[in-house]
Amino acid sequence: MDKLYERGLLFDFYGELLTEHQQKIYSEAVFNDMSLSELSEEEGISRQGIHDLIKRVDRQLEGYENKLKLVEKFKDIKKDVLSVEKLIDDCNNLEADKAKSIKDILSGVLDKL
């Protein structure tokens, strides 16, 4: 899977566990595509310091996932919900209003994730 997508999911799930400083620099570097030089100037930290911080945060986020498995569970639930939606679409004799109700419930489940 795309590394940026993975980083985004990990940050969405575990970003609040980082310090504000880590959150700011990581999100600027990863999601706003700021260079190490730009961040270095903005933060008054060496380029190497920025690089090390980003790598450290990557390891922290991956460590949280290895222990808690929240992203893995999210992906599994999302996959199951999409499979159920496909099965509903494939059912020819399911009443339209019941099918819509089931899909609305599944959509609500995805929104809660």
C-alpha atoms as a PDB file:
ATOM      1  CA  MET A   1       0.000   0.000   0.000  1.00  0.00           C
ATOM      2  CA  ASP A   2       1.094   3.551  -0.617  1.00  0.00           C
ATOM      3  CA  LYS A   3       3.550   4.731   2.046  1.00  0.00           C
ATOM      4  CA  LEU A   4       1.978   8.199   2.277  1.00  0.00           C
ATOM      5  CA  TYR A   5      -1.454   6.619   2.825  1.00  0.00           C
ATOM      6  CA  GLU A   6      -0.002   4.370   5.541  1.00  0.00           C
ATOM      7  CA  ARG A   7       1.715   7.313   7.235  1.00  0.00           C
ATOM      8  CA  GLY A   8      -1.549   9.246   7.089  1.00  0.00           C
ATOM      9  CA  LEU A   9      -3.507   6.454   8.725  1.00  0.00           C
ATOM     10  CA  LEU A  10      -0.913   6.000  11.444  1.00  0.00           C
ATOM     11  CA  PHE A  11      -0.869   9.744  12.089  1.00  0.00           C
ATOM     12  CA  ASP A  12      -4.685   9.890  12.142  1.00  0.00           C
ATOM     13  CA  PHE A  13      -4.866   7.124  14.716  1.00  0.00           C
ATOM     14  CA  TYR A  14      -1.855   7.908  16.877  1.00  0.00           C
ATOM     15  CA  GLY A  15      -0.842  11.497  16.116  1.00  0.00           C
ATOM     16  CA  GLU A  16      -2.399  12.805  19.317  1.00  0.00           C
ATOM     17  CA  LEU A  17       0.126  10.737  21.263  1.00  0.00           C
ATOM     18  CA  LEU A  18       2.955  12.841  19.839  1.00  0.00           C
ATOM     19  CA  THR A  19       4.110  16.157  21.245  1.00  0.00           C
ATOM     20  CA  GLU A  20       2.784  19.296  19.541  1.00  0.00           C
ATOM     21  CA  HIS A  21       6.274  19.945  18.181  1.00  0.00           C
ATOM     22  CA  GLN A  22       6.458  16.454  16.656  1.00  0.00           C
ATOM     23  CA  GLN A  23       2.948  16.771  15.220  1.00  0.00           C
ATOM     24  CA  LYS A  24       3.734  20.103  13.594  1.00  0.00           C
ATOM     25  CA  ILE A  25       7.010  19.115  11.987  1.00  0.00           C
ATOM     26  CA  TYR A  26       5.791  15.684  10.911  1.00  0.00           C
ATOM     27  CA  SER A  27       2.611  16.991   9.315  1.00  0.00           C
ATOM     28  CA  GLU A  28       4.488  19.804   7.549  1.00  0.00           C
ATOM     29  CA  ALA A  29       7.101  17.404   6.168  1.00  0.00           C
ATOM     30  CA  VAL A  30       4.859  14.490   5.280  1.00  0.00           C
ATOM     31  CA  PHE A  31       1.535  16.049   4.330  1.00  0.00           C
ATOM     32  CA  ASN A  32       2.511  19.553   3.209  1.00  0.00           C
ATOM     33  CA  ASP A  33       5.669  18.314   1.464  1.00  0.00           C
ATOM     34  CA  MET A  34       7.962  20.880   3.091  1.00  0.00           C
ATOM     35  CA  SER A  35      11.645  20.182   2.587  1.00  0.00           C
ATOM     36  CA  LEU A  36      14.112  19.570   5.389  1.00  0.00           C
ATOM     37  CA  SER A  37      15.731  22.913   4.542  1.00  0.00           C
ATOM     38  CA  GLU A  38      12.431  24.797   4.766  1.00  0.00           C
ATOM     39  CA  LEU A  39      11.584  23.192   8.091  1.00  0.00           C
ATOM     40  CA  SER A  40      15.107  23.751   9.351  1.00  0.00           C
ATOM     41  CA  GLU A  41      14.851  27.477   8.648  1.00  0.00           C
ATOM     42  CA  GLU A  42      11.343  27.753  10.073  1.00  0.00           C
ATOM     43  CA  GLU A  43      12.087  25.829  13.272  1.00  0.00           C
ATOM     44  CA  GLY A  44      15.685  26.871  13.856  1.00  0.00           C
ATOM     45  CA  ILE A  45      16.827  23.250  13.909  1.00  0.00           C
ATOM     46  CA  SER A  46      19.442  21.604  11.695  1.00  0.00           C
ATOM     47  CA  ARG A  47      18.337  19.642   8.650  1.00  0.00           C
ATOM     48  CA  GLN A  48      19.734  16.532  10.329  1.00  0.00           C
ATOM     49  CA  GLY A  49      17.646  17.265  13.420  1.00  0.00           C
ATOM     50  CA  ILE A  50      14.496  17.528  11.307  1.00  0.00           C
ATOM     51  CA  HIS A  51      15.372  14.311   9.489  1.00  0.00           C
ATOM     52  CA  ASP A  52      15.993  12.485  12.762  1.00  0.00           C
ATOM     53  CA  LEU A  53      12.727  13.759  14.244  1.00  0.00           C
ATOM     54  CA  ILE A  54      10.722  12.528  11.237  1.00  0.00           C
ATOM     55  CA  LYS A  55      12.373   9.098  11.343  1.00  0.00           C
ATOM     56  CA  ARG A  56      11.828   8.896  15.120  1.00  0.00           C
ATOM     57  CA  VAL A  57       8.144   9.783  14.724  1.00  0.00           C
ATOM     58  CA  ASP A  58       7.763   7.161  11.976  1.00  0.00           C
ATOM     59  CA  ARG A  59       9.190   4.554  14.358  1.00  0.00           C
ATOM     60  CA  GLN A  60       6.951   5.748  17.204  1.00  0.00           C
ATOM     61  CA  LEU A  61       3.816   5.555  15.069  1.00  0.00           C
ATOM     62  CA  GLU A  62       4.760   2.111  13.791  1.00  0.00           C
ATOM     63  CA  GLY A  63       5.481   1.017  17.368  1.00  0.00           C
ATOM     64  CA  TYR A  64       2.034   2.141  18.503  1.00  0.00           C
ATOM     65  CA  GLU A  65       0.467   0.191  15.645  1.00  0.00           C
ATOM     66  CA  ASN A  66       2.522  -2.921  16.435  1.00  0.00           C
ATOM     67  CA  LYS A  67       1.179  -2.845  19.984  1.00  0.00           C
ATOM     68  CA  LEU A  68      -2.400  -1.644  19.480  1.00  0.00           C
ATOM     69  CA  LYS A  69      -3.268  -2.798  15.931  1.00  0.00           C
ATOM     70  CA  LEU A  70      -5.938  -0.095  15.513  1.00  0.00           C
ATOM     71  CA  VAL A  71      -5.141   0.614  11.861  1.00  0.00           C
ATOM     72  CA  GLU A  72      -5.162  -3.097  11.069  1.00  0.00           C
ATOM     73  CA  LYS A  73      -8.561  -3.502  12.740  1.00  0.00           C
ATOM     74  CA  PHE A  74      -9.867  -0.422  10.910  1.00  0.00           C
ATOM     75  CA  LYS A  75      -8.808  -1.856   7.548  1.00  0.00           C
ATOM     76  CA  ASP A  76     -10.372  -5.243   8.343  1.00  0.00           C
ATOM     77  CA  ILE A  77     -13.694  -3.692   9.370  1.00  0.00           C
ATOM     78  CA  LYS A  78     -13.738  -1.427   6.321  1.00  0.00           C
ATOM     79  CA  LYS A  79     -13.059  -4.408   4.057  1.00  0.00           C
ATOM     80  CA  ASP A  80     -15.869  -6.397   5.683  1.00  0.00           C
ATOM     81  CA  VAL A  81     -18.333  -3.516   5.360  1.00  0.00           C
ATOM     82  CA  LEU A  82     -17.497  -3.113   1.676  1.00  0.00           C
ATOM     83  CA  SER A  83     -17.946  -6.865   1.161  1.00  0.00           C
ATOM     84  CA  VAL A  84     -21.399  -6.738   2.772  1.00  0.00           C
ATOM     85  CA  GLU A  85     -22.342  -3.770   0.569  1.00  0.00           C
ATOM     86  CA  LYS A  86     -21.304  -5.752  -2.500  1.00  0.00           C
ATOM     87  CA  LEU A  87     -23.365  -8.744  -1.365  1.00  0.00           C
ATOM     88  CA  ILE A  88     -26.380  -6.467  -0.935  1.00  0.00           C
ATOM     89  CA  ASP A  89     -25.909  -5.200  -4.488  1.00  0.00           C
ATOM     90  CA  ASP A  90     -25.753  -8.796  -5.722  1.00  0.00           C
ATOM     91  CA  CYS A  91     -29.020  -9.814  -4.009  1.00  0.00           C
ATOM     92  CA  ASN A  92     -31.783  -9.707  -6.588  1.00  0.00           C
ATOM     93  CA  ASN A  93     -34.724 -10.459  -4.283  1.00  0.00           C
ATOM     94  CA  LEU A  94     -33.836  -8.016  -1.481  1.00  0.00           C
ATOM     95  CA  GLU A  95     -36.384  -5.237  -1.201  1.00  0.00           C
ATOM     96  CA  ALA A  96     -34.953  -1.872  -2.213  1.00  0.00           C
ATOM     97  CA  ASP A  97     -35.906  -0.100   1.026  1.00  0.00           C
ATOM     98  CA  LYS A  98     -34.330  -2.844   3.153  1.00  0.00           C
ATOM     99  CA  ALA A  99     -31.189  -2.798   1.048  1.00  0.00           C
ATOM    100  CA  LYS A 100     -30.976   0.978   1.455  1.00  0.00           C
ATOM    101  CA  SER A 101     -31.467   0.695   5.226  1.00  0.00           C
ATOM    102  CA  ILE A 102     -28.679  -1.865   5.483  1.00  0.00           C
ATOM    103  CA  LYS A 103     -26.373   0.280   3.367  1.00  0.00           C
ATOM    104  CA  ASP A 104     -27.178   3.332   5.519  1.00  0.00           C
ATOM    105  CA  ILE A 105     -26.245   1.385   8.642  1.00  0.00           C
ATOM    106  CA  LEU A 106     -22.996   0.203   7.036  1.00  0.00           C
ATOM    107  CA  SER A 107     -22.225   3.738   5.936  1.00  0.00           C
ATOM    108  CA  GLY A 108     -22.743   4.871   9.515  1.00  0.00           C
ATOM    109  CA  VAL A 109     -20.317   2.207  10.701  1.00  0.00           C
ATOM    110  CA  LEU A 110     -17.677   3.446   8.246  1.00  0.00           C
ATOM    111  CA  ASP A 111     -18.235   7.033   9.361  1.00  0.00           C
ATOM    112  CA  LYS A 112     -17.615   6.030  12.969  1.00  0.00           C
ATOM    113  CA  LEU A 113     -14.302   4.461  12.002  1.00  0.00           C
END
